[in-house]
Amino acid sequence: QVRFVESGGGLVQPGGSLRLSCVGSGFKFSNQDIGWYRQAPGKQHESVAWISPGGRVAIYADSVKGRATISRDNDRNTAHLQMDNLNVEDTAVYYCNERPPNNNWGQGTQITVSS
């Protein structure tokens, strides 16, 4: 069964940084585009960034471009999202999934940006 486990979220002040991690299992991780998504209260999932299987291509949403860095370690079936200069609009639950996403969403990890 396809499964994702996210971690690394927390409460940070505006301007702070967090590094999110995700472990995928139940599929051939190294063959898939992997994406980070977020969902704010009352909103649908929003794509934040995605990375190609080999890691050579990384695409970011305009809202995080220049502040986010996605990476992956296929030996560990792990993906990371480094978020810098966080602002209140980044407050959401963050998930990883394949791209396009399947229905096997993990529990996500909450980022709350507040002063």
C-alpha atoms as a PDB file:
ATOM      1  CA  GLN A   1       0.000   0.000   0.000  1.00  0.00           C
ATOM      2  CA  VAL A   2       1.247   3.448  -0.938  1.00  0.00           C
ATOM      3  CA  ARG A   3       2.038   5.456   2.180  1.00  0.00           C
ATOM      4  CA  PHE A   4       3.602   8.812   3.005  1.00  0.00           C
ATOM      5  CA  VAL A   5       4.802   9.985   6.412  1.00  0.00           C
ATOM      6  CA  GLU A   6       5.595  13.673   6.800  1.00  0.00           C
ATOM      7  CA  SER A   7       7.454  15.389   9.626  1.00  0.00           C
ATOM      8  CA  GLY A   8       9.307  18.559  10.521  1.00  0.00           C
ATOM      9  CA  GLY A   9       6.560  21.124  10.847  1.00  0.00           C
ATOM     10  CA  GLY A  10       6.124  23.483  13.746  1.00  0.00           C
ATOM     11  CA  LEU A  11       5.359  26.963  14.990  1.00  0.00           C
ATOM     12  CA  VAL A  12       7.708  29.636  13.703  1.00  0.00           C
ATOM     13  CA  GLN A  13       7.826  33.401  13.631  1.00  0.00           C
ATOM     14  CA  PRO A  14       7.645  35.275  10.338  1.00  0.00           C
ATOM     15  CA  GLY A  15      11.017  35.099   8.644  1.00  0.00           C
ATOM     16  CA  GLY A  16      11.833  31.736  10.171  1.00  0.00           C
ATOM     17  CA  SER A  17      12.770  28.470   8.477  1.00  0.00           C
ATOM     18  CA  LEU A  18      11.715  24.850   8.622  1.00  0.00           C
ATOM     19  CA  ARG A  19      12.847  21.680   6.895  1.00  0.00           C
ATOM     20  CA  LEU A  20      10.131  19.172   6.158  1.00  0.00           C
ATOM     21  CA  SER A  21      10.771  15.499   5.518  1.00  0.00           C
ATOM     22  CA  CYS A  22       8.691  12.795   3.913  1.00  0.00           C
ATOM     23  CA  VAL A  23       9.191   9.058   3.664  1.00  0.00           C
ATOM     24  CA  GLY A  24       7.319   7.186   0.954  1.00  0.00           C
ATOM     25  CA  SER A  25       6.670   3.449   0.839  1.00  0.00           C
ATOM     26  CA  GLY A  26       4.657   0.890  -1.077  1.00  0.00           C
ATOM     27  CA  PHE A  27       5.775   2.025  -4.522  1.00  0.00           C
ATOM     28  CA  LYS A  28       8.937   2.503  -6.531  1.00  0.00           C
ATOM     29  CA  PHE A  29       9.905   5.867  -5.027  1.00  0.00           C
ATOM     30  CA  SER A  30      12.868   6.436  -7.318  1.00  0.00           C
ATOM     31  CA  ASN A  31      10.697   6.192 -10.442  1.00  0.00           C
ATOM     32  CA  GLN A  32       8.178   8.853  -9.487  1.00  0.00           C
ATOM     33  CA  ASP A  33       7.952  12.620  -9.519  1.00  0.00           C
ATOM     34  CA  ILE A  34       7.442  13.621  -5.895  1.00  0.00           C
ATOM     35  CA  GLY A  35       5.567  16.734  -4.888  1.00  0.00           C
ATOM     36  CA  TRP A  36       4.952  18.754  -1.777  1.00  0.00           C
ATOM     37  CA  TYR A  37       1.466  20.097  -1.341  1.00  0.00           C
ATOM     38  CA  ARG A  38      -0.228  22.179   1.306  1.00  0.00           C
ATOM     39  CA  GLN A  39      -3.756  22.703   2.489  1.00  0.00           C
ATOM     40  CA  ALA A  40      -4.849  25.758   4.416  1.00  0.00           C
ATOM     41  CA  PRO A  41      -8.102  25.701   6.401  1.00  0.00           C
ATOM     42  CA  GLY A  42     -11.089  25.763   4.089  1.00  0.00           C
ATOM     43  CA  LYS A  43      -8.982  25.420   0.955  1.00  0.00           C
ATOM     44  CA  GLN A  44      -8.060  22.618  -1.394  1.00  0.00           C
ATOM     45  CA  HIS A  45      -4.631  21.070  -1.716  1.00  0.00           C
ATOM     46  CA  GLU A  46      -2.169  23.418  -3.397  1.00  0.00           C
ATOM     47  CA  SER A  47       0.977  22.252  -5.160  1.00  0.00           C
ATOM     48  CA  VAL A  48       4.056  23.842  -3.580  1.00  0.00           C
ATOM     49  CA  ALA A  49       6.917  22.142  -5.412  1.00  0.00           C
ATOM     50  CA  TRP A  50       7.827  18.938  -7.205  1.00  0.00           C
ATOM     51  CA  ILE A  51      11.000  17.155  -8.154  1.00  0.00           C
ATOM     52  CA  SER A  52      11.803  14.711 -10.935  1.00  0.00           C
ATOM     53  CA  PRO A  53      12.872  11.120 -10.197  1.00  0.00           C
ATOM     54  CA  GLY A  54      16.579  11.862 -10.573  1.00  0.00           C
ATOM     55  CA  GLY A  55      16.350  15.217  -8.873  1.00  0.00           C
ATOM     56  CA  ARG A  56      17.484  17.250 -11.857  1.00  0.00           C
ATOM     57  CA  VAL A  57      14.221  19.108 -12.324  1.00  0.00           C
ATOM     58  CA  ALA A  58      12.579  21.042  -9.503  1.00  0.00           C
ATOM     59  CA  ILE A  59       9.563  23.270 -10.047  1.00  0.00           C
ATOM     60  CA  TYR A  60       8.104  25.684  -7.522  1.00  0.00           C
ATOM     61  CA  ALA A  61       4.843  27.517  -7.132  1.00  0.00           C
ATOM     62  CA  ASP A  62       5.166  31.260  -7.573  1.00  0.00           C
ATOM     63  CA  SER A  63       4.101  31.726  -3.966  1.00  0.00           C
ATOM     64  CA  VAL A  64       7.234  29.981  -2.636  1.00  0.00           C
ATOM     65  CA  LYS A  65       9.743  30.534  -5.427  1.00  0.00           C
ATOM     66  CA  GLY A  66      13.030  31.761  -4.010  1.00  0.00           C
ATOM     67  CA  ARG A  67      12.075  30.654  -0.498  1.00  0.00           C
ATOM     68  CA  ALA A  68      11.711  26.904  -0.933  1.00  0.00           C
ATOM     69  CA  THR A  69      14.108  24.144  -1.912  1.00  0.00           C
ATOM     70  CA  ILE A  70      12.933  20.625  -2.673  1.00  0.00           C
ATOM     71  CA  SER A  71      15.310  17.673  -2.616  1.00  0.00           C
ATOM     72  CA  ARG A  72      15.182  13.899  -2.484  1.00  0.00           C
ATOM     73  CA  ASP A  73      17.239  10.902  -1.398  1.00  0.00           C
ATOM     74  CA  ASN A  74      16.104   7.888  -3.384  1.00  0.00           C
ATOM     75  CA  ASP A  75      18.277   5.518  -1.332  1.00  0.00           C
ATOM     76  CA  ARG A  76      16.129   6.427   1.692  1.00  0.00           C
ATOM     77  CA  ASN A  77      12.815   6.950  -0.138  1.00  0.00           C
ATOM     78  CA  THR A  78      12.848  10.429   1.359  1.00  0.00           C
ATOM     79  CA  ALA A  79      11.991  13.889   0.109  1.00  0.00           C
ATOM     80  CA  HIS A  80      12.638  17.191   1.832  1.00  0.00           C
ATOM     81  CA  LEU A  81      11.274  20.695   1.568  1.00  0.00           C
ATOM     82  CA  GLN A  82      13.361  23.511   2.998  1.00  0.00           C
ATOM     83  CA  MET A  83      11.213  26.573   3.601  1.00  0.00           C
ATOM     84  CA  ASP A  84      12.892  29.881   4.390  1.00  0.00           C
ATOM     85  CA  ASN A  85      11.607  33.380   5.112  1.00  0.00           C
ATOM     86  CA  LEU A  86       8.254  31.945   6.118  1.00  0.00           C
ATOM     87  CA  ASN A  87       5.249  34.246   6.248  1.00  0.00           C
ATOM     88  CA  VAL A  88       1.747  33.903   7.661  1.00  0.00           C
ATOM     89  CA  GLU A  89       0.398  32.893   4.248  1.00  0.00           C
ATOM     90  CA  ASP A  90       2.525  29.739   4.482  1.00  0.00           C
ATOM     91  CA  THR A  91       0.443  28.476   7.407  1.00  0.00           C
ATOM     92  CA  ALA A  92      -1.038  25.150   6.312  1.00  0.00           C
ATOM     93  CA  VAL A  93      -0.737  21.396   6.628  1.00  0.00           C
ATOM     94  CA  TYR A  94       2.014  20.178   4.303  1.00  0.00           C
ATOM     95  CA  TYR A  95       1.885  16.829   2.541  1.00  0.00           C
ATOM     96  CA  CYS A  96       4.032  14.935   0.115  1.00  0.00           C
ATOM     97  CA  ASN A  97       2.659  12.693  -2.589  1.00  0.00           C
ATOM     98  CA  GLU A  98       3.340  11.556  -6.094  1.00  0.00           C
ATOM     99  CA  ARG A  99       2.824  13.983  -8.945  1.00  0.00           C
ATOM    100  CA  PRO A 100       0.044  13.966  -9.899  1.00  0.00           C
ATOM    101  CA  PRO A 101      -1.113  13.063  -6.408  1.00  0.00           C
ATOM    102  CA  ASN A 102      -2.920   9.827  -5.645  1.00  0.00           C
ATOM    103  CA  ASN A 103      -5.548   9.407  -2.957  1.00  0.00           C
ATOM    104  CA  ASN A 104      -3.118   8.009  -0.374  1.00  0.00           C
ATOM    105  CA  TRP A 105      -2.477  11.218   1.553  1.00  0.00           C
ATOM    106  CA  GLY A 106      -0.481  10.957   4.761  1.00  0.00           C
ATOM    107  CA  GLN A 107      -1.290  12.779   7.966  1.00  0.00           C
ATOM    108  CA  GLY A 108       0.723  15.798   6.882  1.00  0.00           C
ATOM    109  CA  THR A 109       2.797  18.125   9.023  1.00  0.00           C
ATOM    110  CA  GLN A 110       1.521  21.477  10.255  1.00  0.00           C
ATOM    111  CA  ILE A 111       3.407  24.718   9.656  1.00  0.00           C
ATOM    112  CA  THR A 112       2.095  27.645  11.643  1.00  0.00           C
ATOM    113  CA  VAL A 113       3.682  31.028  11.081  1.00  0.00           C
ATOM    114  CA  SER A 114       2.782  33.524  13.736  1.00  0.00           C
ATOM    115  CA  SER A 115       4.372  36.270  15.764  1.00  0.00           C
END
